[in-house]
C-alpha cells in the first residue's frame, strides 16, 4: 500500500489558506487530494490561518465529493467541514474557487483510476 503523505497534505491546505487555490502548485493539490481520497486521518486545521482559509475548507469539501472516497470517510470529512464552517465563511464556489479547482481536474483524474486506487488501498 502506498502511503499518503499527511504532512505534505496538511502543508498544502495551509498554503491554500495563505495564498489561495489559484496560487498553489499541482503538487499541493495532488497531496491534498490523496489525503482526502485515500488517507485515514482528517486534515488538521488547528494552526491553519490566512485570508483564503475558506478556500482550504472548500477544497476538503470539494475533494470529498468524489466516488473514490468511501462513505464513512465522506461522513467524517463532512463533519469536519461543518465544524470548520462554524468559524469560516463558505468560499464563493460559484466563481473563483470553482474556476481555480477546474484547472487541476485533468491532472487529478488519473489518481482515481482503478489501477491507481489499487496501489493506494492494497
PDB file of N, CA and C in Angstrom:
ATOM      1  N   UNK A   1       0.842  -1.185   0.000  1.00  0.00           N
ATOM      2  CA  UNK A   1       0.000   0.000   0.000  1.00  0.00           C
ATOM      3  C   UNK A   1       0.885   1.245   0.000  1.00  0.00           C
ATOM      4  N   UNK A   2       0.609   2.131  -0.884  1.00  0.00           N
ATOM      5  CA  UNK A   2       1.344   3.393  -0.939  1.00  0.00           C
ATOM      6  C   UNK A   2       0.883   4.281   0.219  1.00  0.00           C
ATOM      7  N   UNK A   3       1.816   4.958   0.806  1.00  0.00           N
ATOM      8  CA  UNK A   3       1.494   5.805   1.949  1.00  0.00           C
ATOM      9  C   UNK A   3       1.041   7.185   1.487  1.00  0.00           C
ATOM     10  N   UNK A   4       0.091   7.722   2.216  1.00  0.00           N
ATOM     11  CA  UNK A   4      -0.358   9.090   1.985  1.00  0.00           C
ATOM     12  C   UNK A   4       0.512   9.999   2.847  1.00  0.00           C
ATOM     13  N   UNK A   5       1.062  11.026   2.256  1.00  0.00           N
ATOM     14  CA  UNK A   5       1.916  11.964   2.981  1.00  0.00           C
ATOM     15  C   UNK A   5       1.034  13.022   3.648  1.00  0.00           C
ATOM     16  N   UNK A   6       0.654  12.749   4.898  1.00  0.00           N
ATOM     17  CA  UNK A   6      -0.247  13.665   5.596  1.00  0.00           C
ATOM     18  C   UNK A   6       0.417  15.005   5.885  1.00  0.00           C
ATOM     19  N   UNK A   7       1.721  14.993   6.097  1.00  0.00           N
ATOM     20  CA  UNK A   7       2.427  16.254   6.335  1.00  0.00           C
ATOM     21  C   UNK A   7       2.352  17.143   5.100  1.00  0.00           C
ATOM     22  N   UNK A   8       2.605  16.563   3.934  1.00  0.00           N
ATOM     23  CA  UNK A   8       2.522  17.338   2.686  1.00  0.00           C
ATOM     24  C   UNK A   8       1.103  17.832   2.448  1.00  0.00           C
ATOM     25  N   UNK A   9       0.125  16.997   2.750  1.00  0.00           N
ATOM     26  CA  UNK A   9      -1.269  17.393   2.539  1.00  0.00           C
ATOM     27  C   UNK A   9      -1.663  18.530   3.474  1.00  0.00           C
ATOM     28  N   UNK A  10      -1.325  18.407   4.744  1.00  0.00           N
ATOM     29  CA  UNK A  10      -1.661  19.477   5.683  1.00  0.00           C
ATOM     30  C   UNK A  10      -0.919  20.764   5.345  1.00  0.00           C
ATOM     31  N   UNK A  11       0.308  20.642   4.863  1.00  0.00           N
ATOM     32  CA  UNK A  11       1.057  21.810   4.399  1.00  0.00           C
ATOM     33  C   UNK A  11       0.355  22.438   3.198  1.00  0.00           C
ATOM     34  N   UNK A  12      -0.184  21.598   2.327  1.00  0.00           N
ATOM     35  CA  UNK A  12      -0.899  22.097   1.146  1.00  0.00           C
ATOM     36  C   UNK A  12      -2.156  22.864   1.546  1.00  0.00           C
ATOM     37  N   UNK A  13      -2.922  22.334   2.497  1.00  0.00           N
ATOM     38  CA  UNK A  13      -4.119  23.050   2.953  1.00  0.00           C
ATOM     39  C   UNK A  13      -3.733  24.392   3.578  1.00  0.00           C
ATOM     40  N   UNK A  14      -2.646  24.411   4.337  1.00  0.00           N
ATOM     41  CA  UNK A  14      -2.174  25.666   4.934  1.00  0.00           C
ATOM     42  C   UNK A  14      -1.743  26.659   3.856  1.00  0.00           C
ATOM     43  N   UNK A  15      -1.105  26.153   2.812  1.00  0.00           N
ATOM     44  CA  UNK A  15      -0.670  27.021   1.708  1.00  0.00           C
ATOM     45  C   UNK A  15      -1.876  27.611   0.979  1.00  0.00           C
ATOM     46  N   UNK A  16      -2.897  26.796   0.735  1.00  0.00           N
ATOM     47  CA  UNK A  16      -4.123  27.306   0.105  1.00  0.00           C
ATOM     48  C   UNK A  16      -4.717  28.408   0.971  1.00  0.00           C
ATOM     49  N   UNK A  17      -4.738  28.210   2.283  1.00  0.00           N
ATOM     50  CA  UNK A  17      -5.286  29.222   3.190  1.00  0.00           C
ATOM     51  C   UNK A  17      -4.503  30.531   3.114  1.00  0.00           C
ATOM     52  N   UNK A  18      -3.193  30.424   2.922  1.00  0.00           N
ATOM     53  CA  UNK A  18      -2.353  31.630   2.858  1.00  0.00           C
ATOM     54  C   UNK A  18      -2.449  32.363   1.532  1.00  0.00           C
ATOM     55  N   UNK A  19      -2.391  31.615   0.416  1.00  0.00           N
ATOM     56  CA  UNK A  19      -2.250  32.279  -0.885  1.00  0.00           C
ATOM     57  C   UNK A  19      -3.422  32.059  -1.839  1.00  0.00           C
ATOM     58  N   UNK A  20      -4.336  31.161  -1.513  1.00  0.00           N
ATOM     59  CA  UNK A  20      -5.481  30.899  -2.385  1.00  0.00           C
ATOM     60  C   UNK A  20      -5.229  29.726  -3.314  1.00  0.00           C
ATOM     61  N   UNK A  21      -6.293  29.046  -3.690  1.00  0.00           N
ATOM     62  CA  UNK A  21      -6.188  27.861  -4.539  1.00  0.00           C
ATOM     63  C   UNK A  21      -5.566  28.181  -5.892  1.00  0.00           C
ATOM     64  N   UNK A  22      -5.815  29.349  -6.406  1.00  0.00           N
ATOM     65  CA  UNK A  22      -5.278  29.721  -7.710  1.00  0.00           C
ATOM     66  C   UNK A  22      -3.784  29.971  -7.730  1.00  0.00           C
ATOM     67  N   UNK A  23      -3.154  29.993  -6.557  1.00  0.00           N
ATOM     68  CA  UNK A  23      -1.727  30.311  -6.470  1.00  0.00           C
ATOM     69  C   UNK A  23      -0.877  29.186  -5.888  1.00  0.00           C
ATOM     70  N   UNK A  24      -1.400  27.972  -5.907  1.00  0.00           N
ATOM     71  CA  UNK A  24      -0.613  26.834  -5.431  1.00  0.00           C
ATOM     72  C   UNK A  24      -0.248  25.946  -6.611  1.00  0.00           C
ATOM     73  N   UNK A  25       0.703  25.076  -6.389  1.00  0.00           N
ATOM     74  CA  UNK A  25       1.171  24.165  -7.435  1.00  0.00           C
ATOM     75  C   UNK A  25       0.293  22.921  -7.493  1.00  0.00           C
ATOM     76  N   UNK A  26       0.347  22.244  -8.622  1.00  0.00           N
ATOM     77  CA  UNK A  26      -0.365  20.978  -8.778  1.00  0.00           C
ATOM     78  C   UNK A  26       0.048  19.990  -7.691  1.00  0.00           C
ATOM     79  N   UNK A  27       1.315  19.961  -7.335  1.00  0.00           N
ATOM     80  CA  UNK A  27       1.794  19.031  -6.301  1.00  0.00           C
ATOM     81  C   UNK A  27       1.069  19.243  -4.976  1.00  0.00           C
ATOM     82  N   UNK A  28       0.730  20.488  -4.666  1.00  0.00           N
ATOM     83  CA  UNK A  28      -0.004  20.779  -3.437  1.00  0.00           C
ATOM     84  C   UNK A  28      -1.415  20.201  -3.502  1.00  0.00           C
ATOM     85  N   UNK A  29      -2.090  20.445  -4.603  1.00  0.00           N
ATOM     86  CA  UNK A  29      -3.460  19.951  -4.762  1.00  0.00           C
ATOM     87  C   UNK A  29      -3.457  18.427  -4.823  1.00  0.00           C
ATOM     88  N   UNK A  30      -2.452  17.865  -5.449  1.00  0.00           N
ATOM     89  CA  UNK A  30      -2.329  16.403  -5.525  1.00  0.00           C
ATOM     90  C   UNK A  30      -2.175  15.804  -4.128  1.00  0.00           C
ATOM     91  N   UNK A  31      -1.316  16.389  -3.306  1.00  0.00           N
ATOM     92  CA  UNK A  31      -1.122  15.897  -1.937  1.00  0.00           C
ATOM     93  C   UNK A  31      -2.420  15.980  -1.141  1.00  0.00           C
ATOM     94  N   UNK A  32      -3.140  17.083  -1.306  1.00  0.00           N
ATOM     95  CA  UNK A  32      -4.419  17.246  -0.614  1.00  0.00           C
ATOM     96  C   UNK A  32      -5.425  16.202  -1.085  1.00  0.00           C
ATOM     97  N   UNK A  33      -5.491  15.989  -2.393  1.00  0.00           N
ATOM     98  CA  UNK A  33      -6.433  15.014  -2.944  1.00  0.00           C
ATOM     99  C   UNK A  33      -6.127  13.607  -2.447  1.00  0.00           C
ATOM    100  N   UNK A  34      -4.865  13.232  -2.438  1.00  0.00           N
ATOM    101  CA  UNK A  34      -4.503  11.890  -1.979  1.00  0.00           C
ATOM    102  C   UNK A  34      -4.891  11.677  -0.520  1.00  0.00           C
ATOM    103  N   UNK A  35      -4.727  12.710   0.295  1.00  0.00           N
ATOM    104  CA  UNK A  35      -5.108  12.581   1.701  1.00  0.00           C
ATOM    105  C   UNK A  35      -6.614  12.415   1.850  1.00  0.00           C
ATOM    106  N   UNK A  36      -7.367  13.245   1.141  1.00  0.00           N
ATOM    107  CA  UNK A  36      -8.825  13.164   1.236  1.00  0.00           C
ATOM    108  C   UNK A  36      -9.321  11.837   0.673  1.00  0.00           C
ATOM    109  N   UNK A  37      -8.793  11.427  -0.456  1.00  0.00           N
ATOM    110  CA  UNK A  37      -9.295  10.232  -1.130  1.00  0.00           C
ATOM    111  C   UNK A  37      -8.833   8.932  -0.501  1.00  0.00           C
ATOM    112  N   UNK A  38      -7.589   8.879  -0.057  1.00  0.00           N
ATOM    113  CA  UNK A  38      -7.018   7.604   0.387  1.00  0.00           C
ATOM    114  C   UNK A  38      -6.488   7.611   1.816  1.00  0.00           C
ATOM    115  N   UNK A  39      -6.470   8.750   2.458  1.00  0.00           N
ATOM    116  CA  UNK A  39      -5.922   8.834   3.808  1.00  0.00           C
ATOM    117  C   UNK A  39      -6.866   8.301   4.868  1.00  0.00           C
ATOM    118  N   UNK A  40      -6.313   8.080   6.027  1.00  0.00           N
ATOM    119  CA  UNK A  40      -7.090   7.630   7.180  1.00  0.00           C
ATOM    120  C   UNK A  40      -7.327   8.782   8.155  1.00  0.00           C
ATOM    121  N   UNK A  41      -6.454   9.764   8.127  1.00  0.00           N
ATOM    122  CA  UNK A  41      -6.539  10.891   9.050  1.00  0.00           C
ATOM    123  C   UNK A  41      -7.308  12.048   8.416  1.00  0.00           C
ATOM    124  N   UNK A  42      -7.910  12.857   9.275  1.00  0.00           N
ATOM    125  CA  UNK A  42      -8.555  14.075   8.797  1.00  0.00           C
ATOM    126  C   UNK A  42      -7.501  15.161   8.622  1.00  0.00           C
ATOM    127  N   UNK A  43      -7.716  16.059   7.683  1.00  0.00           N
ATOM    128  CA  UNK A  43      -6.823  17.216   7.580  1.00  0.00           C
ATOM    129  C   UNK A  43      -6.821  17.982   8.908  1.00  0.00           C
ATOM    130  N   UNK A  44      -5.682  18.554   9.251  1.00  0.00           N
ATOM    131  CA  UNK A  44      -5.545  19.298  10.501  1.00  0.00           C
ATOM    132  C   UNK A  44      -5.577  20.791  10.202  1.00  0.00           C
ATOM    133  N   UNK A  45      -6.567  21.464  10.767  1.00  0.00           N
ATOM    134  CA  UNK A  45      -6.723  22.898  10.534  1.00  0.00           C
ATOM    135  C   UNK A  45      -6.475  23.716  11.802  1.00  0.00           C
ATOM    136  N   UNK A  46      -5.977  23.084  12.855  1.00  0.00           N
ATOM    137  CA  UNK A  46      -5.805  23.775  14.133  1.00  0.00           C
ATOM    138  C   UNK A  46      -4.952  25.036  14.023  1.00  0.00           C
ATOM    139  N   UNK A  47      -3.855  24.971  13.294  1.00  0.00           N
ATOM    140  CA  UNK A  47      -2.947  26.114  13.191  1.00  0.00           C
ATOM    141  C   UNK A  47      -3.001  26.785  11.820  1.00  0.00           C
ATOM    142  N   UNK A  48      -3.974  26.419  11.008  1.00  0.00           N
ATOM    143  CA  UNK A  48      -4.071  26.975   9.654  1.00  0.00           C
ATOM    144  C   UNK A  48      -4.751  28.339   9.718  1.00  0.00           C
ATOM    145  N   UNK A  49      -4.086  29.324   9.162  1.00  0.00           N
ATOM    146  CA  UNK A  49      -4.613  30.694   9.130  1.00  0.00           C
ATOM    147  C   UNK A  49      -4.336  31.287   7.758  1.00  0.00           C
ATOM    148  N   UNK A  50      -5.084  32.308   7.426  1.00  0.00           N
ATOM    149  CA  UNK A  50      -4.820  33.020   6.191  1.00  0.00           C
ATOM    150  C   UNK A  50      -6.086  33.592   5.600  1.00  0.00           C
ATOM    151  N   UNK A  51      -5.919  34.521   4.677  1.00  0.00           N
ATOM    152  CA  UNK A  51      -7.074  35.183   4.075  1.00  0.00           C
ATOM    153  C   UNK A  51      -7.915  34.268   3.190  1.00  0.00           C
ATOM    154  N   UNK A  52      -7.385  33.098   2.856  1.00  0.00           N
ATOM    155  CA  UNK A  52      -8.109  32.170   1.982  1.00  0.00           C
ATOM    156  C   UNK A  52      -8.448  30.867   2.709  1.00  0.00           C
ATOM    157  N   UNK A  53      -8.616  30.954   4.015  1.00  0.00           N
ATOM    158  CA  UNK A  53      -8.959  29.771   4.800  1.00  0.00           C
ATOM    159  C   UNK A  53     -10.245  29.128   4.289  1.00  0.00           C
ATOM    160  N   UNK A  54     -11.164  29.962   3.841  1.00  0.00           N
ATOM    161  CA  UNK A  54     -12.414  29.438   3.280  1.00  0.00           C
ATOM    162  C   UNK A  54     -12.154  28.533   2.079  1.00  0.00           C
ATOM    163  N   UNK A  55     -11.152  28.852   1.278  1.00  0.00           N
ATOM    164  CA  UNK A  55     -10.833  28.028   0.110  1.00  0.00           C
ATOM    165  C   UNK A  55     -10.212  26.695   0.526  1.00  0.00           C
ATOM    166  N   UNK A  56      -9.423  26.702   1.585  1.00  0.00           N
ATOM    167  CA  UNK A  56      -8.836  25.449   2.074  1.00  0.00           C
ATOM    168  C   UNK A  56      -9.933  24.512   2.570  1.00  0.00           C
ATOM    169  N   UNK A  57     -10.899  25.054   3.284  1.00  0.00           N
ATOM    170  CA  UNK A  57     -12.036  24.251   3.760  1.00  0.00           C
ATOM    171  C   UNK A  57     -12.859  23.769   2.566  1.00  0.00           C
ATOM    172  N   UNK A  58     -13.091  24.646   1.607  1.00  0.00           N
ATOM    173  CA  UNK A  58     -13.853  24.270   0.411  1.00  0.00           C
ATOM    174  C   UNK A  58     -13.133  23.183  -0.384  1.00  0.00           C
ATOM    175  N   UNK A  59     -11.807  23.192  -0.370  1.00  0.00           N
ATOM    176  CA  UNK A  59     -11.051  22.162  -1.083  1.00  0.00           C
ATOM    177  C   UNK A  59     -11.292  20.787  -0.457  1.00  0.00           C
ATOM    178  N   UNK A  60     -11.287  20.708   0.859  1.00  0.00           N
ATOM    179  CA  UNK A  60     -11.606  19.442   1.531  1.00  0.00           C
ATOM    180  C   UNK A  60     -13.002  18.988   1.119  1.00  0.00           C
ATOM    181  N   UNK A  61     -13.945  19.918   1.178  1.00  0.00           N
ATOM    182  CA  UNK A  61     -15.331  19.580   0.838  1.00  0.00           C
ATOM    183  C   UNK A  61     -15.449  19.110  -0.609  1.00  0.00           C
ATOM    184  N   UNK A  62     -14.851  19.839  -1.517  1.00  0.00           N
ATOM    185  CA  UNK A  62     -14.971  19.522  -2.952  1.00  0.00           C
ATOM    186  C   UNK A  62     -14.334  18.176  -3.276  1.00  0.00           C
ATOM    187  N   UNK A  63     -13.173  17.908  -2.699  1.00  0.00           N
ATOM    188  CA  UNK A  63     -12.497  16.633  -2.941  1.00  0.00           C
ATOM    189  C   UNK A  63     -13.274  15.464  -2.346  1.00  0.00           C
ATOM    190  N   UNK A  64     -13.988  15.714  -1.267  1.00  0.00           N
ATOM    191  CA  UNK A  64     -14.734  14.629  -0.619  1.00  0.00           C
ATOM    192  C   UNK A  64     -15.945  14.179  -1.427  1.00  0.00           C
ATOM    193  N   UNK A  65     -16.344  14.938  -2.428  1.00  0.00           N
ATOM    194  CA  UNK A  65     -17.496  14.567  -3.258  1.00  0.00           C
ATOM    195  C   UNK A  65     -17.205  13.399  -4.201  1.00  0.00           C
ATOM    196  N   UNK A  66     -15.943  13.109  -4.447  1.00  0.00           N
ATOM    197  CA  UNK A  66     -15.591  12.103  -5.453  1.00  0.00           C
ATOM    198  C   UNK A  66     -15.947  10.691  -4.997  1.00  0.00           C
ATOM    199  N   UNK A  67     -16.328   9.855  -5.958  1.00  0.00           N
ATOM    200  CA  UNK A  67     -16.755   8.486  -5.670  1.00  0.00           C
ATOM    201  C   UNK A  67     -15.655   7.618  -5.075  1.00  0.00           C
ATOM    202  N   UNK A  68     -14.420   7.974  -5.263  1.00  0.00           N
ATOM    203  CA  UNK A  68     -13.306   7.191  -4.745  1.00  0.00           C
ATOM    204  C   UNK A  68     -13.247   7.245  -3.209  1.00  0.00           C
ATOM    205  N   UNK A  69     -13.925   8.201  -2.608  1.00  0.00           N
ATOM    206  CA  UNK A  69     -13.924   8.360  -1.151  1.00  0.00           C
ATOM    207  C   UNK A  69     -14.964   7.417  -0.543  1.00  0.00           C
ATOM    208  N   UNK A  70     -14.545   6.525   0.348  1.00  0.00           N
ATOM    209  CA  UNK A  70     -15.507   5.628   0.997  1.00  0.00           C
ATOM    210  C   UNK A  70     -16.550   6.415   1.798  1.00  0.00           C
ATOM    211  N   UNK A  71     -17.743   5.858   1.907  1.00  0.00           N
ATOM    212  CA  UNK A  71     -18.860   6.556   2.544  1.00  0.00           C
ATOM    213  C   UNK A  71     -18.538   6.994   3.975  1.00  0.00           C
ATOM    214  N   UNK A  72     -17.936   6.132   4.759  1.00  0.00           N
ATOM    215  CA  UNK A  72     -17.612   6.502   6.144  1.00  0.00           C
ATOM    216  C   UNK A  72     -16.656   7.697   6.176  1.00  0.00           C
ATOM    217  N   UNK A  73     -15.714   7.719   5.252  1.00  0.00           N
ATOM    218  CA  UNK A  73     -14.769   8.843   5.186  1.00  0.00           C
ATOM    219  C   UNK A  73     -15.490  10.111   4.745  1.00  0.00           C
ATOM    220  N   UNK A  74     -16.399   9.990   3.776  1.00  0.00           N
ATOM    221  CA  UNK A  74     -17.177  11.160   3.343  1.00  0.00           C
ATOM    222  C   UNK A  74     -17.904  11.781   4.527  1.00  0.00           C
ATOM    223  N   UNK A  75     -18.517  10.933   5.343  1.00  0.00           N
ATOM    224  CA  UNK A  75     -19.264  11.435   6.502  1.00  0.00           C
ATOM    225  C   UNK A  75     -18.341  12.127   7.498  1.00  0.00           C
ATOM    226  N   UNK A  76     -17.174  11.543   7.739  1.00  0.00           N
ATOM    227  CA  UNK A  76     -16.215  12.154   8.665  1.00  0.00           C
ATOM    228  C   UNK A  76     -15.733  13.504   8.138  1.00  0.00           C
ATOM    229  N   UNK A  77     -15.451  13.571   6.850  1.00  0.00           N
ATOM    230  CA  UNK A  77     -14.999  14.830   6.252  1.00  0.00           C
ATOM    231  C   UNK A  77     -16.111  15.870   6.257  1.00  0.00           C
ATOM    232  N   UNK A  78     -17.341  15.428   6.048  1.00  0.00           N
ATOM    233  CA  UNK A  78     -18.474  16.358   6.092  1.00  0.00           C
ATOM    234  C   UNK A  78     -18.604  16.957   7.492  1.00  0.00           C
ATOM    235  N   UNK A  79     -18.436  16.127   8.520  1.00  0.00           N
ATOM    236  CA  UNK A  79     -18.486  16.638   9.899  1.00  0.00           C
ATOM    237  C   UNK A  79     -17.364  17.651  10.142  1.00  0.00           C
ATOM    238  N   UNK A  80     -16.174  17.352   9.624  1.00  0.00           N
ATOM    239  CA  UNK A  80     -15.052  18.281   9.768  1.00  0.00           C
ATOM    240  C   UNK A  80     -15.366  19.616   9.102  1.00  0.00           C
ATOM    241  N   UNK A  81     -15.868  19.567   7.880  1.00  0.00           N
ATOM    242  CA  UNK A  81     -16.202  20.796   7.150  1.00  0.00           C
ATOM    243  C   UNK A  81     -17.279  21.574   7.898  1.00  0.00           C
ATOM    244  N   UNK A  82     -18.299  20.885   8.396  1.00  0.00           N
ATOM    245  CA  UNK A  82     -19.359  21.570   9.145  1.00  0.00           C
ATOM    246  C   UNK A  82     -18.799  22.245  10.394  1.00  0.00           C
ATOM    247  N   UNK A  83     -17.895  21.570  11.079  1.00  0.00           N
ATOM    248  CA  UNK A  83     -17.262  22.149  12.269  1.00  0.00           C
ATOM    249  C   UNK A  83     -16.464  23.393  11.895  1.00  0.00           C
ATOM    250  N   UNK A  84     -15.686  23.301  10.829  1.00  0.00           N
ATOM    251  CA  UNK A  84     -14.881  24.441  10.393  1.00  0.00           C
ATOM    252  C   UNK A  84     -15.752  25.596   9.919  1.00  0.00           C
ATOM    253  N   UNK A  85     -16.878  25.279   9.323  1.00  0.00           N
ATOM    254  CA  UNK A  85     -17.767  26.332   8.815  1.00  0.00           C
ATOM    255  C   UNK A  85     -18.421  27.135   9.933  1.00  0.00           C
ATOM    256  N   UNK A  86     -18.342  26.659  11.168  1.00  0.00           N
ATOM    257  CA  UNK A  86     -18.875  27.457  12.274  1.00  0.00           C
ATOM    258  C   UNK A  86     -18.007  28.685  12.530  1.00  0.00           C
ATOM    259  N   UNK A  87     -16.763  28.646  12.031  1.00  0.00           N
ATOM    260  CA  UNK A  87     -15.861  29.788  12.222  1.00  0.00           C
ATOM    261  C   UNK A  87     -15.337  30.374  10.914  1.00  0.00           C
ATOM    262  N   UNK A  88     -15.570  29.685   9.804  1.00  0.00           N
ATOM    263  CA  UNK A  88     -15.071  30.133   8.498  1.00  0.00           C
ATOM    264  C   UNK A  88     -16.247  30.261   7.545  1.00  0.00           C
ATOM    265  N   UNK A  89     -16.360  31.407   6.910  1.00  0.00           N
ATOM    266  CA  UNK A  89     -17.444  31.573   5.940  1.00  0.00           C
ATOM    267  C   UNK A  89     -17.184  30.694   4.718  1.00  0.00           C
ATOM    268  N   UNK A  90     -18.233  30.208   4.080  1.00  0.00           N
ATOM    269  CA  UNK A  90     -18.034  29.377   2.879  1.00  0.00           C
ATOM    270  C   UNK A  90     -17.367  30.159   1.752  1.00  0.00           C
ATOM    271  N   UNK A  91     -16.537  29.467   0.994  1.00  0.00           N
ATOM    272  CA  UNK A  91     -15.905  30.077  -0.181  1.00  0.00           C
ATOM    273  C   UNK A  91     -16.968  30.343  -1.229  1.00  0.00           C
ATOM    274  N   UNK A  92     -16.724  31.338  -2.041  1.00  0.00           N
ATOM    275  CA  UNK A  92     -17.629  31.644  -3.147  1.00  0.00           C
ATOM    276  C   UNK A  92     -17.355  30.636  -4.253  1.00  0.00           C
ATOM    277  N   UNK A  93     -17.924  29.438  -4.100  1.00  0.00           N
ATOM    278  CA  UNK A  93     -17.632  28.354  -5.037  1.00  0.00           C
ATOM    279  C   UNK A  93     -18.212  28.610  -6.424  1.00  0.00           C
ATOM    280  N   UNK A  94     -19.088  29.566  -6.544  1.00  0.00           N
ATOM    281  CA  UNK A  94     -19.682  29.836  -7.844  1.00  0.00           C
ATOM    282  C   UNK A  94     -18.750  30.551  -8.802  1.00  0.00           C
ATOM    283  N   UNK A  95     -17.691  31.121  -8.282  1.00  0.00           N
ATOM    284  CA  UNK A  95     -16.820  31.902  -9.165  1.00  0.00           C
ATOM    285  C   UNK A  95     -15.373  31.430  -9.087  1.00  0.00           C
ATOM    286  N   UNK A  96     -14.551  32.152  -8.367  1.00  0.00           N
ATOM    287  CA  UNK A  96     -13.110  31.913  -8.424  1.00  0.00           C
ATOM    288  C   UNK A  96     -12.691  30.550  -7.882  1.00  0.00           C
ATOM    289  N   UNK A  97     -13.266  30.090  -6.787  1.00  0.00           N
ATOM    290  CA  UNK A  97     -12.850  28.795  -6.253  1.00  0.00           C
ATOM    291  C   UNK A  97     -13.069  27.696  -7.282  1.00  0.00           C
ATOM    292  N   UNK A  98     -14.252  27.614  -7.830  1.00  0.00           N
ATOM    293  CA  UNK A  98     -14.551  26.531  -8.774  1.00  0.00           C
ATOM    294  C   UNK A  98     -13.709  26.660 -10.042  1.00  0.00           C
ATOM    295  N   UNK A  99     -13.523  27.869 -10.519  1.00  0.00           N
ATOM    296  CA  UNK A  99     -12.683  28.087 -11.702  1.00  0.00           C
ATOM    297  C   UNK A  99     -11.249  27.620 -11.428  1.00  0.00           C
ATOM    298  N   UNK A 100     -10.733  27.955 -10.260  1.00  0.00           N
ATOM    299  CA  UNK A 100      -9.379  27.524  -9.906  1.00  0.00           C
ATOM    300  C   UNK A 100      -9.304  26.013  -9.719  1.00  0.00           C
ATOM    301  N   UNK A 101     -10.323  25.418  -9.135  1.00  0.00           N
ATOM    302  CA  UNK A 101     -10.337  23.966  -8.944  1.00  0.00           C
ATOM    303  C   UNK A 101     -10.345  23.247 -10.290  1.00  0.00           C
ATOM    304  N   UNK A 102     -11.079  23.770 -11.233  1.00  0.00           N
ATOM    305  CA  UNK A 102     -11.184  23.149 -12.559  1.00  0.00           C
ATOM    306  C   UNK A 102      -9.823  23.034 -13.247  1.00  0.00           C
ATOM    307  N   UNK A 103      -8.895  23.935 -12.925  1.00  0.00           N
ATOM    308  CA  UNK A 103      -7.557  23.888 -13.533  1.00  0.00           C
ATOM    309  C   UNK A 103      -6.824  22.592 -13.209  1.00  0.00           C
ATOM    310  N   UNK A 104      -7.171  21.975 -12.099  1.00  0.00           N
ATOM    311  CA  UNK A 104      -6.438  20.794 -11.636  1.00  0.00           C
ATOM    312  C   UNK A 104      -7.124  19.471 -11.966  1.00  0.00           C
ATOM    313  N   UNK A 105      -8.370  19.506 -12.371  1.00  0.00           N
ATOM    314  CA  UNK A 105      -9.153  18.273 -12.517  1.00  0.00           C
ATOM    315  C   UNK A 105      -8.514  17.272 -13.473  1.00  0.00           C
ATOM    316  N   UNK A 106      -8.067  17.708 -14.619  1.00  0.00           N
ATOM    317  CA  UNK A 106      -7.498  16.769 -15.596  1.00  0.00           C
ATOM    318  C   UNK A 106      -6.288  16.028 -15.023  1.00  0.00           C
ATOM    319  N   UNK A 107      -5.498  16.710 -14.219  1.00  0.00           N
ATOM    320  CA  UNK A 107      -4.317  16.082 -13.621  1.00  0.00           C
ATOM    321  C   UNK A 107      -4.675  15.168 -12.456  1.00  0.00           C
ATOM    322  N   UNK A 108      -5.806  15.425 -11.816  1.00  0.00           N
ATOM    323  CA  UNK A 108      -6.215  14.606 -10.674  1.00  0.00           C
ATOM    324  C   UNK A 108      -6.955  13.339 -11.091  1.00  0.00           C
ATOM    325  N   UNK A 109      -7.582  13.357 -12.261  1.00  0.00           N
ATOM    326  CA  UNK A 109      -8.386  12.208 -12.683  1.00  0.00           C
ATOM    327  C   UNK A 109      -7.624  10.886 -12.696  1.00  0.00           C
ATOM    328  N   UNK A 110      -6.375  10.826 -13.159  1.00  0.00           N
ATOM    329  CA  UNK A 110      -5.667   9.535 -13.131  1.00  0.00           C
ATOM    330  C   UNK A 110      -5.489   8.969 -11.716  1.00  0.00           C
ATOM    331  N   UNK A 111      -5.543   9.822 -10.707  1.00  0.00           N
ATOM    332  CA  UNK A 111      -5.393   9.366  -9.326  1.00  0.00           C
ATOM    333  C   UNK A 111      -6.636   8.634  -8.831  1.00  0.00           C
ATOM    334  N   UNK A 112      -7.683   8.626  -9.640  1.00  0.00           N
ATOM    335  CA  UNK A 112      -8.925   7.955  -9.271  1.00  0.00           C
ATOM    336  C   UNK A 112      -9.143   6.664 -10.052  1.00  0.00           C
ATOM    337  N   UNK A 113      -8.209   6.314 -10.923  1.00  0.00           N
ATOM    338  CA  UNK A 113      -8.379   5.105 -11.732  1.00  0.00           C
ATOM    339  C   UNK A 113      -8.345   3.870 -10.834  1.00  0.00           C
ATOM    340  N   UNK A 114      -8.932   2.791 -11.312  1.00  0.00           N
ATOM    341  CA  UNK A 114      -8.937   1.541 -10.535  1.00  0.00           C
ATOM    342  C   UNK A 114      -7.516   1.057 -10.265  1.00  0.00           C
ATOM    343  N   UNK A 115      -6.646   1.187 -11.252  1.00  0.00           N
ATOM    344  CA  UNK A 115      -5.264   0.743 -11.067  1.00  0.00           C
ATOM    345  C   UNK A 115      -4.558   1.560  -9.985  1.00  0.00           C
ATOM    346  N   UNK A 116      -4.726   2.867 -10.045  1.00  0.00           N
ATOM    347  CA  UNK A 116      -4.085   3.713  -9.042  1.00  0.00           C
ATOM    348  C   UNK A 116      -4.701   3.457  -7.673  1.00  0.00           C
ATOM    349  N   UNK A 117      -6.014   3.364  -7.624  1.00  0.00           N
ATOM    350  CA  UNK A 117      -6.704   3.116  -6.355  1.00  0.00           C
ATOM    351  C   UNK A 117      -6.213   1.814  -5.720  1.00  0.00           C
ATOM    352  N   UNK A 118      -5.983   0.801  -6.544  1.00  0.00           N
ATOM    353  CA  UNK A 118      -5.497  -0.482  -6.029  1.00  0.00           C
ATOM    354  C   UNK A 118      -4.137  -0.327  -5.354  1.00  0.00           C
ATOM    355  N   UNK A 119      -3.291   0.536  -5.882  1.00  0.00           N
ATOM    356  CA  UNK A 119      -1.981   0.741  -5.258  1.00  0.00           C
ATOM    357  C   UNK A 119      -2.110   1.466  -3.923  1.00  0.00           C
ATOM    358  N   UNK A 120      -3.153   2.265  -3.772  1.00  0.00           N
ATOM    359  CA  UNK A 120      -3.336   3.031  -2.542  1.00  0.00           C
ATOM    360  C   UNK A 120      -4.053   2.229  -1.458  1.00  0.00           C
ATOM    361  N   UNK A 121      -4.888   1.290  -1.853  1.00  0.00           N
ATOM    362  CA  UNK A 121      -5.706   0.565  -0.876  1.00  0.00           C
ATOM    363  C   UNK A 121      -5.208  -0.842  -0.571  1.00  0.00           C
ATOM    364  N   UNK A 122      -4.284  -1.366  -1.365  1.00  0.00           N
ATOM    365  CA  UNK A 122      -3.849  -2.761  -1.145  1.00  0.00           C
ATOM    366  C   UNK A 122      -2.829  -2.875  -0.031  1.00  0.00           C
TER     367      UNK A 122
END
